[in-house]
Amino acid sequence: MPNFLVLAACSLVPFFVAFLWFHPKVFGGDKWKLIANLTDAQADKAISPLQLGVSILLNFLLAFGVFIATNHQTHVLSLTGPDIDAFKGGTALAFMQEYGSNFTTWHHGISHGLVICLLFFVVPVLGYATIFERKSMKYLLVNAGFWGISLVIMACIISKWGGVPVY
C-alpha cells in the first residue's frame, strides 16, 4: 500500500528540480523563452493559485503512477483481490515475509525512473507533443531532461520509503 505522505512529498520534487533546471544560468530566463518560443508577455505572466494547485495535484497523480511502477509489492496485493486479510497467514504471508522487502533500494528507483518512466512515458508523450506543436528538438531534450531528473528522484524516494507493509 502507498505511503501517501511520501507521495505528497514527492509531488513537490518537480518544483525543486524546476527551480534549478530552469534557472537563468541553466536553461531558464531568455534561453527558455527562445527554446519554448515564448513572448516576453507570456513568460512574465504569473501562475495563478488555481494553476499551482492543479500542478500539485497532477504531480501527486504522477507520484502515484511512479509508486505503481516501482513498488512490486503492490502487484502481489493486487493478486489477492486486494484482500489484506490474505496477508495475515498462508501463502501470501509466507511470500511477503520472504520477498516483501526486495526491490526497495535507490538502485531500483533509478532503473524505474529512467527506463519505465522516462523511456516509456515521458519521451513518447513529449515527443508526440513536440512534433505536433512544432517545437524544436532542444525543447524536447530540455523537457525530457527535466522530467527524467524529476522522475528518477521521485522513483528513488518512492522505492525506498513509498510502500507501507501490509503483512
N, C-alpha and C. Protein backbone atom coordinates (compact mmCIF):
# COMPACT_ATOMS: atom_id res chain seq x y z
N MET A 1 0.84 -1.17 0.00
CA MET A 1 0.00 0.00 0.00
C MET A 1 0.89 1.24 0.00
N PRO A 2 0.39 2.31 -0.63
CA PRO A 2 1.24 3.50 -0.70
C PRO A 2 1.30 4.28 0.61
N ASN A 3 2.44 4.88 0.84
CA ASN A 3 2.62 5.81 1.93
C ASN A 3 2.26 7.19 1.35
N PHE A 4 1.05 7.66 1.62
CA PHE A 4 0.56 8.88 0.98
C PHE A 4 1.35 10.12 1.39
N LEU A 5 1.95 10.10 2.56
CA LEU A 5 2.78 11.23 2.98
C LEU A 5 4.02 11.33 2.08
N VAL A 6 4.62 10.19 1.77
CA VAL A 6 5.78 10.17 0.88
C VAL A 6 5.37 10.62 -0.53
N LEU A 7 4.20 10.15 -0.99
CA LEU A 7 3.73 10.56 -2.31
C LEU A 7 3.47 12.07 -2.34
N ALA A 8 2.91 12.61 -1.26
CA ALA A 8 2.67 14.06 -1.19
C ALA A 8 3.99 14.82 -1.24
N ALA A 9 4.99 14.32 -0.52
CA ALA A 9 6.31 14.97 -0.55
C ALA A 9 6.91 14.89 -1.96
N CYS A 10 6.73 13.76 -2.61
CA CYS A 10 7.26 13.59 -3.97
C CYS A 10 6.56 14.50 -4.98
N SER A 11 5.35 14.91 -4.67
CA SER A 11 4.65 15.81 -5.59
C SER A 11 5.30 17.20 -5.62
N LEU A 12 6.19 17.47 -4.67
CA LEU A 12 6.91 18.74 -4.66
C LEU A 12 8.27 18.66 -5.37
N VAL A 13 8.73 17.44 -5.64
CA VAL A 13 10.04 17.25 -6.28
C VAL A 13 10.17 18.02 -7.59
N PRO A 14 9.18 17.96 -8.50
CA PRO A 14 9.35 18.72 -9.75
C PRO A 14 9.53 20.22 -9.55
N PHE A 15 8.98 20.78 -8.48
CA PHE A 15 9.17 22.21 -8.21
C PHE A 15 10.63 22.51 -7.86
N PHE A 16 11.23 21.64 -7.03
CA PHE A 16 12.63 21.84 -6.65
C PHE A 16 13.55 21.66 -7.86
N VAL A 17 13.26 20.63 -8.66
CA VAL A 17 14.08 20.41 -9.86
C VAL A 17 13.91 21.58 -10.82
N ALA A 18 12.68 22.06 -11.00
CA ALA A 18 12.43 23.19 -11.91
C ALA A 18 13.18 24.44 -11.46
N PHE A 19 13.24 24.65 -10.14
CA PHE A 19 13.94 25.81 -9.62
C PHE A 19 15.40 25.81 -10.10
N LEU A 20 16.02 24.63 -10.11
CA LEU A 20 17.41 24.52 -10.56
C LEU A 20 17.51 24.41 -12.08
N TRP A 21 16.70 23.56 -12.68
CA TRP A 21 16.78 23.26 -14.11
C TRP A 21 16.47 24.49 -14.97
N PHE A 22 15.47 25.25 -14.54
CA PHE A 22 15.06 26.41 -15.33
C PHE A 22 15.63 27.72 -14.77
N HIS A 23 16.70 27.61 -13.99
CA HIS A 23 17.42 28.79 -13.51
C HIS A 23 18.04 29.47 -14.73
N PRO A 24 18.11 30.80 -14.74
CA PRO A 24 18.68 31.51 -15.90
C PRO A 24 20.08 31.05 -16.30
N LYS A 25 20.86 30.53 -15.35
CA LYS A 25 22.21 30.06 -15.70
C LYS A 25 22.21 28.65 -16.28
N VAL A 26 21.07 27.96 -16.23
CA VAL A 26 20.99 26.62 -16.81
C VAL A 26 20.17 26.71 -18.10
N PHE A 27 18.85 26.49 -18.02
CA PHE A 27 18.01 26.57 -19.21
C PHE A 27 16.91 27.61 -19.09
N GLY A 28 16.93 28.39 -18.03
CA GLY A 28 15.85 29.34 -17.79
C GLY A 28 16.08 30.70 -18.42
N GLY A 29 15.24 31.65 -18.03
CA GLY A 29 15.36 33.02 -18.50
C GLY A 29 15.18 33.13 -19.99
N ASP A 30 16.05 33.92 -20.61
CA ASP A 30 15.94 34.15 -22.05
C ASP A 30 16.17 32.88 -22.86
N LYS A 31 17.02 31.98 -22.36
CA LYS A 31 17.26 30.72 -23.07
C LYS A 31 15.95 29.93 -23.20
N TRP A 32 15.21 29.84 -22.08
CA TRP A 32 13.97 29.08 -22.10
C TRP A 32 12.93 29.75 -23.00
N LYS A 33 12.87 31.07 -22.98
CA LYS A 33 11.92 31.78 -23.84
C LYS A 33 12.19 31.46 -25.31
N LEU A 34 13.45 31.40 -25.69
CA LEU A 34 13.79 31.07 -27.08
C LEU A 34 13.44 29.62 -27.41
N ILE A 35 13.82 28.70 -26.51
CA ILE A 35 13.56 27.28 -26.75
C ILE A 35 12.07 26.99 -26.83
N ALA A 36 11.29 27.60 -25.92
CA ALA A 36 9.85 27.34 -25.86
C ALA A 36 9.06 28.25 -26.80
N ASN A 37 9.75 29.19 -27.45
CA ASN A 37 9.09 30.11 -28.38
C ASN A 37 8.05 30.97 -27.67
N LEU A 38 8.44 31.52 -26.51
CA LEU A 38 7.54 32.35 -25.71
C LEU A 38 7.84 33.83 -25.93
N THR A 39 6.80 34.64 -25.91
CA THR A 39 6.99 36.08 -25.93
C THR A 39 7.31 36.54 -24.51
N ASP A 40 7.78 37.78 -24.38
CA ASP A 40 8.06 38.33 -23.05
C ASP A 40 6.79 38.35 -22.20
N ALA A 41 5.68 38.71 -22.81
CA ALA A 41 4.41 38.78 -22.07
C ALA A 41 4.00 37.39 -21.56
N GLN A 42 4.16 36.38 -22.38
CA GLN A 42 3.82 35.01 -21.95
C GLN A 42 4.74 34.55 -20.83
N ALA A 43 6.02 34.81 -20.96
CA ALA A 43 6.99 34.35 -19.97
C ALA A 43 6.84 35.07 -18.64
N ASP A 44 6.39 36.33 -18.68
CA ASP A 44 6.28 37.11 -17.46
C ASP A 44 4.94 36.95 -16.75
N LYS A 45 4.00 36.27 -17.37
CA LYS A 45 2.68 36.09 -16.77
C LYS A 45 2.78 35.19 -15.54
N ALA A 46 2.22 35.63 -14.44
CA ALA A 46 2.30 34.89 -13.17
C ALA A 46 1.39 33.66 -13.21
N ILE A 47 1.79 32.64 -12.47
CA ILE A 47 0.99 31.43 -12.30
C ILE A 47 -0.05 31.72 -11.22
N SER A 48 -1.31 31.42 -11.51
CA SER A 48 -2.37 31.69 -10.53
C SER A 48 -2.36 30.61 -9.44
N PRO A 49 -2.96 30.90 -8.30
CA PRO A 49 -3.06 29.88 -7.25
C PRO A 49 -3.80 28.61 -7.73
N LEU A 50 -4.80 28.78 -8.58
CA LEU A 50 -5.51 27.62 -9.12
C LEU A 50 -4.57 26.76 -9.97
N GLN A 51 -3.79 27.40 -10.83
CA GLN A 51 -2.84 26.66 -11.66
C GLN A 51 -1.80 25.95 -10.80
N LEU A 52 -1.35 26.61 -9.76
CA LEU A 52 -0.38 25.99 -8.84
C LEU A 52 -0.99 24.78 -8.16
N GLY A 53 -2.22 24.91 -7.68
CA GLY A 53 -2.91 23.79 -7.05
C GLY A 53 -3.11 22.63 -8.00
N VAL A 54 -3.50 22.91 -9.23
CA VAL A 54 -3.69 21.85 -10.22
C VAL A 54 -2.36 21.17 -10.52
N SER A 55 -1.27 21.94 -10.59
CA SER A 55 0.03 21.33 -10.86
C SER A 55 0.47 20.42 -9.71
N ILE A 56 0.16 20.80 -8.47
CA ILE A 56 0.48 19.93 -7.33
C ILE A 56 -0.34 18.65 -7.41
N LEU A 57 -1.62 18.77 -7.76
CA LEU A 57 -2.48 17.59 -7.92
C LEU A 57 -1.95 16.68 -9.03
N LEU A 58 -1.56 17.26 -10.15
CA LEU A 58 -1.01 16.46 -11.25
C LEU A 58 0.29 15.78 -10.84
N ASN A 59 1.14 16.49 -10.09
CA ASN A 59 2.37 15.88 -9.60
C ASN A 59 2.08 14.73 -8.64
N PHE A 60 1.03 14.88 -7.83
CA PHE A 60 0.65 13.79 -6.92
C PHE A 60 0.18 12.57 -7.71
N LEU A 61 -0.61 12.78 -8.76
CA LEU A 61 -1.03 11.67 -9.61
C LEU A 61 0.18 11.01 -10.27
N LEU A 62 1.13 11.82 -10.68
CA LEU A 62 2.36 11.29 -11.25
C LEU A 62 3.13 10.46 -10.23
N ALA A 63 3.21 10.96 -8.99
CA ALA A 63 3.89 10.22 -7.93
C ALA A 63 3.18 8.88 -7.67
N PHE A 64 1.86 8.88 -7.72
CA PHE A 64 1.12 7.63 -7.53
C PHE A 64 1.42 6.65 -8.67
N GLY A 65 1.52 7.15 -9.89
CA GLY A 65 1.89 6.30 -11.02
C GLY A 65 3.30 5.74 -10.87
N VAL A 66 4.21 6.57 -10.39
CA VAL A 66 5.58 6.10 -10.14
C VAL A 66 5.57 5.03 -9.06
N PHE A 67 4.74 5.21 -8.04
CA PHE A 67 4.61 4.19 -6.98
C PHE A 67 4.17 2.86 -7.59
N ILE A 68 3.18 2.89 -8.43
CA ILE A 68 2.68 1.65 -9.04
C ILE A 68 3.77 0.99 -9.88
N ALA A 69 4.57 1.80 -10.58
CA ALA A 69 5.64 1.25 -11.42
C ALA A 69 6.81 0.70 -10.61
N THR A 70 7.11 1.30 -9.46
CA THR A 70 8.32 0.92 -8.73
C THR A 70 8.07 -0.05 -7.58
N ASN A 71 6.89 -0.06 -7.02
CA ASN A 71 6.63 -0.87 -5.83
C ASN A 71 5.95 -2.18 -6.22
N HIS A 72 6.75 -3.22 -6.37
CA HIS A 72 6.23 -4.51 -6.84
C HIS A 72 5.38 -5.22 -5.80
N GLN A 73 5.52 -4.86 -4.54
CA GLN A 73 4.70 -5.47 -3.50
C GLN A 73 3.22 -5.16 -3.74
N THR A 74 2.94 -4.03 -4.34
CA THR A 74 1.56 -3.67 -4.68
C THR A 74 0.97 -4.67 -5.67
N HIS A 75 1.79 -5.18 -6.56
CA HIS A 75 1.30 -6.14 -7.55
C HIS A 75 0.90 -7.45 -6.88
N VAL A 76 1.63 -7.84 -5.86
CA VAL A 76 1.27 -9.04 -5.11
C VAL A 76 -0.07 -8.82 -4.41
N LEU A 77 -0.24 -7.64 -3.82
CA LEU A 77 -1.50 -7.32 -3.17
C LEU A 77 -2.65 -7.34 -4.17
N SER A 78 -2.41 -6.87 -5.37
CA SER A 78 -3.48 -6.86 -6.37
C SER A 78 -3.90 -8.28 -6.77
N LEU A 79 -3.01 -9.24 -6.63
CA LEU A 79 -3.35 -10.62 -6.96
C LEU A 79 -4.34 -11.24 -5.97
N THR A 80 -4.42 -10.66 -4.78
CA THR A 80 -5.34 -11.21 -3.77
C THR A 80 -6.70 -10.55 -3.82
N GLY A 81 -6.87 -9.57 -4.63
CA GLY A 81 -8.19 -9.06 -4.86
C GLY A 81 -8.57 -7.64 -4.56
N PRO A 82 -7.96 -6.78 -3.87
CA PRO A 82 -6.90 -6.89 -2.86
C PRO A 82 -7.48 -7.21 -1.49
N ASP A 83 -7.17 -8.39 -1.02
CA ASP A 83 -7.64 -8.88 0.27
C ASP A 83 -6.48 -8.81 1.26
N ILE A 84 -6.45 -7.75 2.06
CA ILE A 84 -5.35 -7.56 3.00
C ILE A 84 -5.33 -8.68 4.04
N ASP A 85 -6.49 -9.26 4.35
CA ASP A 85 -6.53 -10.36 5.31
C ASP A 85 -5.75 -11.57 4.82
N ALA A 86 -5.59 -11.71 3.51
CA ALA A 86 -4.83 -12.84 2.95
C ALA A 86 -3.37 -12.78 3.38
N PHE A 87 -2.91 -11.61 3.78
CA PHE A 87 -1.52 -11.46 4.18
C PHE A 87 -1.30 -11.77 5.66
N LYS A 88 -2.34 -12.16 6.34
CA LYS A 88 -2.21 -12.48 7.76
C LYS A 88 -1.87 -13.95 7.99
N GLY A 89 -1.84 -14.71 6.94
CA GLY A 89 -1.49 -16.12 7.06
C GLY A 89 -1.39 -16.77 5.69
N GLY A 90 -0.93 -17.98 5.66
CA GLY A 90 -0.88 -18.75 4.43
C GLY A 90 0.22 -18.34 3.47
N THR A 91 -0.02 -18.65 2.21
CA THR A 91 0.97 -18.46 1.17
C THR A 91 1.35 -16.99 0.97
N ALA A 92 0.35 -16.10 0.99
CA ALA A 92 0.64 -14.68 0.77
C ALA A 92 1.56 -14.14 1.86
N LEU A 93 1.30 -14.49 3.10
CA LEU A 93 2.15 -14.04 4.20
C LEU A 93 3.56 -14.60 4.04
N ALA A 94 3.67 -15.90 3.75
CA ALA A 94 4.98 -16.52 3.59
C ALA A 94 5.76 -15.87 2.44
N PHE A 95 5.06 -15.61 1.35
CA PHE A 95 5.71 -14.99 0.20
C PHE A 95 6.23 -13.60 0.55
N MET A 96 5.39 -12.79 1.20
CA MET A 96 5.79 -11.43 1.53
C MET A 96 6.88 -11.40 2.60
N GLN A 97 6.87 -12.35 3.53
CA GLN A 97 7.92 -12.39 4.53
C GLN A 97 9.27 -12.72 3.89
N GLU A 98 9.24 -13.55 2.84
CA GLU A 98 10.49 -13.91 2.18
C GLU A 98 10.93 -12.86 1.16
N TYR A 99 10.00 -12.32 0.39
CA TYR A 99 10.36 -11.43 -0.71
C TYR A 99 9.85 -10.00 -0.56
N GLY A 100 9.12 -9.70 0.49
CA GLY A 100 8.45 -8.41 0.63
C GLY A 100 9.33 -7.19 0.71
N SER A 101 10.59 -7.37 1.09
CA SER A 101 11.48 -6.20 1.17
C SER A 101 12.42 -6.12 -0.03
N ASN A 102 12.24 -6.98 -1.02
CA ASN A 102 13.07 -6.91 -2.23
C ASN A 102 12.72 -5.67 -3.05
N PHE A 103 13.68 -5.15 -3.73
CA PHE A 103 13.50 -4.04 -4.65
C PHE A 103 13.00 -2.77 -3.97
N THR A 104 13.50 -2.50 -2.80
CA THR A 104 13.19 -1.25 -2.11
C THR A 104 14.48 -0.45 -1.92
N THR A 105 15.21 -0.30 -3.01
CA THR A 105 16.51 0.37 -2.96
C THR A 105 16.53 1.58 -3.89
N TRP A 106 17.54 2.41 -3.69
CA TRP A 106 17.73 3.56 -4.58
C TRP A 106 17.99 3.08 -6.01
N HIS A 107 18.78 2.01 -6.14
CA HIS A 107 19.12 1.50 -7.46
C HIS A 107 17.87 1.11 -8.24
N HIS A 108 16.95 0.49 -7.53
CA HIS A 108 15.70 0.09 -8.16
C HIS A 108 14.91 1.33 -8.61
N GLY A 109 14.92 2.35 -7.78
CA GLY A 109 14.24 3.59 -8.14
C GLY A 109 14.87 4.26 -9.36
N ILE A 110 16.20 4.24 -9.42
CA ILE A 110 16.88 4.82 -10.58
C ILE A 110 16.50 4.08 -11.85
N SER A 111 16.53 2.75 -11.80
CA SER A 111 16.21 1.98 -13.00
C SER A 111 14.78 2.23 -13.47
N HIS A 112 13.85 2.27 -12.54
CA HIS A 112 12.46 2.52 -12.94
C HIS A 112 12.24 3.97 -13.35
N GLY A 113 12.90 4.88 -12.69
CA GLY A 113 12.78 6.29 -13.07
C GLY A 113 13.28 6.53 -14.49
N LEU A 114 14.40 5.92 -14.83
CA LEU A 114 14.97 6.09 -16.16
C LEU A 114 14.23 5.29 -17.22
N VAL A 115 14.11 4.01 -17.00
CA VAL A 115 13.60 3.13 -18.05
C VAL A 115 12.09 3.25 -18.20
N ILE A 116 11.36 2.91 -17.15
CA ILE A 116 9.91 2.87 -17.29
C ILE A 116 9.32 4.26 -17.44
N CYS A 117 9.64 5.15 -16.51
CA CYS A 117 9.01 6.47 -16.52
C CYS A 117 9.49 7.33 -17.68
N LEU A 118 10.80 7.45 -17.84
CA LEU A 118 11.33 8.34 -18.86
C LEU A 118 11.17 7.75 -20.26
N LEU A 119 11.66 6.54 -20.46
CA LEU A 119 11.68 5.95 -21.80
C LEU A 119 10.30 5.58 -22.31
N PHE A 120 9.46 5.04 -21.44
CA PHE A 120 8.16 4.56 -21.91
C PHE A 120 7.03 5.56 -21.77
N PHE A 121 7.22 6.64 -21.02
CA PHE A 121 6.14 7.61 -20.86
C PHE A 121 6.56 9.03 -21.27
N VAL A 122 7.58 9.57 -20.65
CA VAL A 122 7.92 10.96 -20.88
C VAL A 122 8.35 11.22 -22.32
N VAL A 123 9.32 10.48 -22.82
CA VAL A 123 9.82 10.75 -24.16
C VAL A 123 8.73 10.54 -25.22
N PRO A 124 7.95 9.45 -25.17
CA PRO A 124 6.89 9.34 -26.18
C PRO A 124 5.83 10.45 -26.10
N VAL A 125 5.39 10.79 -24.90
CA VAL A 125 4.36 11.83 -24.76
C VAL A 125 4.91 13.19 -25.17
N LEU A 126 6.08 13.56 -24.65
CA LEU A 126 6.65 14.85 -25.02
C LEU A 126 7.07 14.88 -26.49
N GLY A 127 7.58 13.76 -26.99
CA GLY A 127 7.94 13.68 -28.40
C GLY A 127 6.75 13.91 -29.30
N TYR A 128 5.64 13.30 -28.96
CA TYR A 128 4.40 13.47 -29.72
C TYR A 128 3.96 14.93 -29.69
N ALA A 129 3.94 15.52 -28.48
CA ALA A 129 3.54 16.92 -28.35
C ALA A 129 4.51 17.84 -29.09
N THR A 130 5.80 17.54 -29.03
CA THR A 130 6.80 18.37 -29.70
C THR A 130 6.59 18.36 -31.21
N ILE A 131 6.29 17.21 -31.75
CA ILE A 131 6.07 17.10 -33.21
C ILE A 131 4.86 17.93 -33.63
N PHE A 132 3.74 17.73 -32.96
CA PHE A 132 2.51 18.37 -33.41
C PHE A 132 2.35 19.82 -32.94
N GLU A 133 3.11 20.23 -31.93
CA GLU A 133 3.13 21.64 -31.55
C GLU A 133 4.23 22.38 -32.30
N ARG A 134 4.95 21.64 -33.14
CA ARG A 134 6.02 22.18 -33.97
C ARG A 134 7.10 22.90 -33.15
N LYS A 135 7.50 22.21 -32.08
CA LYS A 135 8.58 22.71 -31.23
C LYS A 135 9.89 22.12 -31.71
N SER A 136 10.99 22.62 -31.18
CA SER A 136 12.31 22.17 -31.60
C SER A 136 12.77 20.94 -30.81
N MET A 137 13.83 20.32 -31.32
CA MET A 137 14.44 19.19 -30.61
C MET A 137 15.01 19.66 -29.28
N LYS A 138 15.51 20.88 -29.21
CA LYS A 138 16.00 21.42 -27.93
C LYS A 138 14.88 21.44 -26.90
N TYR A 139 13.70 21.82 -27.34
CA TYR A 139 12.52 21.85 -26.45
C TYR A 139 12.27 20.46 -25.87
N LEU A 140 12.30 19.46 -26.74
CA LEU A 140 12.10 18.08 -26.29
C LEU A 140 13.19 17.66 -25.31
N LEU A 141 14.43 17.94 -25.64
CA LEU A 141 15.54 17.50 -24.79
C LEU A 141 15.54 18.20 -23.43
N VAL A 142 15.24 19.49 -23.41
CA VAL A 142 15.21 20.22 -22.14
C VAL A 142 14.08 19.68 -21.26
N ASN A 143 12.90 19.49 -21.84
CA ASN A 143 11.77 18.98 -21.06
C ASN A 143 11.97 17.53 -20.64
N ALA A 144 12.48 16.71 -21.54
CA ALA A 144 12.73 15.31 -21.18
C ALA A 144 13.80 15.22 -20.09
N GLY A 145 14.81 16.06 -20.17
CA GLY A 145 15.83 16.09 -19.11
C GLY A 145 15.24 16.49 -17.78
N PHE A 146 14.40 17.52 -17.79
CA PHE A 146 13.75 17.97 -16.56
C PHE A 146 12.90 16.85 -15.96
N TRP A 147 12.04 16.23 -16.78
CA TRP A 147 11.17 15.17 -16.24
C TRP A 147 11.96 13.92 -15.91
N GLY A 148 13.02 13.65 -16.65
CA GLY A 148 13.85 12.49 -16.33
C GLY A 148 14.47 12.62 -14.96
N ILE A 149 15.05 13.78 -14.66
CA ILE A 149 15.65 14.01 -13.34
C ILE A 149 14.57 13.97 -12.26
N SER A 150 13.45 14.64 -12.51
CA SER A 150 12.36 14.66 -11.53
C SER A 150 11.86 13.25 -11.22
N LEU A 151 11.64 12.46 -12.28
CA LEU A 151 11.10 11.12 -12.08
C LEU A 151 12.10 10.16 -11.43
N VAL A 152 13.37 10.31 -11.74
CA VAL A 152 14.38 9.47 -11.09
C VAL A 152 14.42 9.77 -9.59
N ILE A 153 14.39 11.05 -9.24
CA ILE A 153 14.39 11.41 -7.81
C ILE A 153 13.12 10.89 -7.14
N MET A 154 11.97 11.10 -7.79
CA MET A 154 10.71 10.61 -7.23
C MET A 154 10.74 9.09 -7.07
N ALA A 155 11.21 8.39 -8.09
CA ALA A 155 11.25 6.92 -8.04
C ALA A 155 12.21 6.42 -6.96
N CYS A 156 13.33 7.11 -6.76
CA CYS A 156 14.26 6.72 -5.69
C CYS A 156 13.60 6.85 -4.32
N ILE A 157 12.95 7.97 -4.09
CA ILE A 157 12.28 8.21 -2.80
C ILE A 157 11.15 7.20 -2.60
N ILE A 158 10.35 7.01 -3.63
CA ILE A 158 9.20 6.10 -3.53
C ILE A 158 9.65 4.66 -3.38
N SER A 159 10.69 4.28 -4.11
CA SER A 159 11.19 2.91 -3.99
C SER A 159 11.69 2.62 -2.58
N LYS A 160 12.32 3.60 -1.97
CA LYS A 160 12.90 3.42 -0.64
C LYS A 160 11.86 3.53 0.48
N TRP A 161 10.97 4.52 0.39
CA TRP A 161 10.05 4.80 1.50
C TRP A 161 8.57 4.83 1.12
N GLY A 162 8.24 4.57 -0.12
CA GLY A 162 6.87 4.79 -0.60
C GLY A 162 5.86 3.71 -0.24
N GLY A 163 6.32 2.54 0.16
CA GLY A 163 5.40 1.46 0.47
C GLY A 163 5.18 1.27 1.95
N VAL A 164 3.98 0.90 2.30
CA VAL A 164 3.63 0.58 3.68
C VAL A 164 3.39 -0.93 3.73
N PRO A 165 4.14 -1.67 4.55
CA PRO A 165 3.94 -3.13 4.59
C PRO A 165 2.51 -3.48 5.04
N VAL A 166 1.94 -4.47 4.38
CA VAL A 166 0.59 -4.91 4.72
C VAL A 166 0.61 -6.27 5.42
N TYR A 167 1.79 -6.82 5.64
CA TYR A 167 1.88 -8.15 6.25
C TYR A 167 2.44 -8.08 7.65
